[in-house]
Amino acid sequence: MTVLIPEVAESAEGAGAAAGGAARRRAGQAAQAYGSQAAYVGRSARVIPGDRSYQPVILAEFLIAVVIVAAVPIASGGSPAAQAKNSPSPYDTGDLRQLVAVGAVYFILSLVSSGNRGRIAAWLGGLVVIGLGLSKVSQGTLSSVFTAMTGVTGSSGTADSTGST
């Protein structure tokens, strides 16, 4: 067991307190210096346009395109070529080619989006979805999808042709 002399114990406590105080002072100075550096970096930092990830956006666009291409033949009762063959499948080879093309386009767009051109790839994917939707609307087949989903036909509360009030 060690016995300390009171004067030595007091000087050891004073030295420890002085060393601890100096360490605290240095830590405080470092924190202040880092804080000013962080404030400087925060003021001058810019967000680089290519550091955002647009791959989830492109994935969502791909899923929308696949649903449009796959749901239209089912809701419309099949393509005319499939109906002529009396096939149980509503799909025709044109539908399958369109699905493969959509997959290839969005695969390329997802590869492009991993670089600094993510926003451009997402915009091009959106244009593909819009073009696909407009082509289905112009053929008159996209309305059958909405009719199949909602069960509501296109006529809604129009006046009858008899002229009665």
Foldseek 3Di string as FASTA:
>chain_A
DDDDDVVVVVVVVVVVVVVVVVVVVVVVVVVVVVVVVVVVCVVPPDDQQLPDQLLVLLVVLLVLLLCQLVQLLVLVVADPVCVVVVHPDRYDVVSVVSNVVSVVLSVVLNVVSNGSCVVVSSVVSVVVSVVSVVVCVVVVRSVSSVCVVPVDDPDDDDDDPPPDD
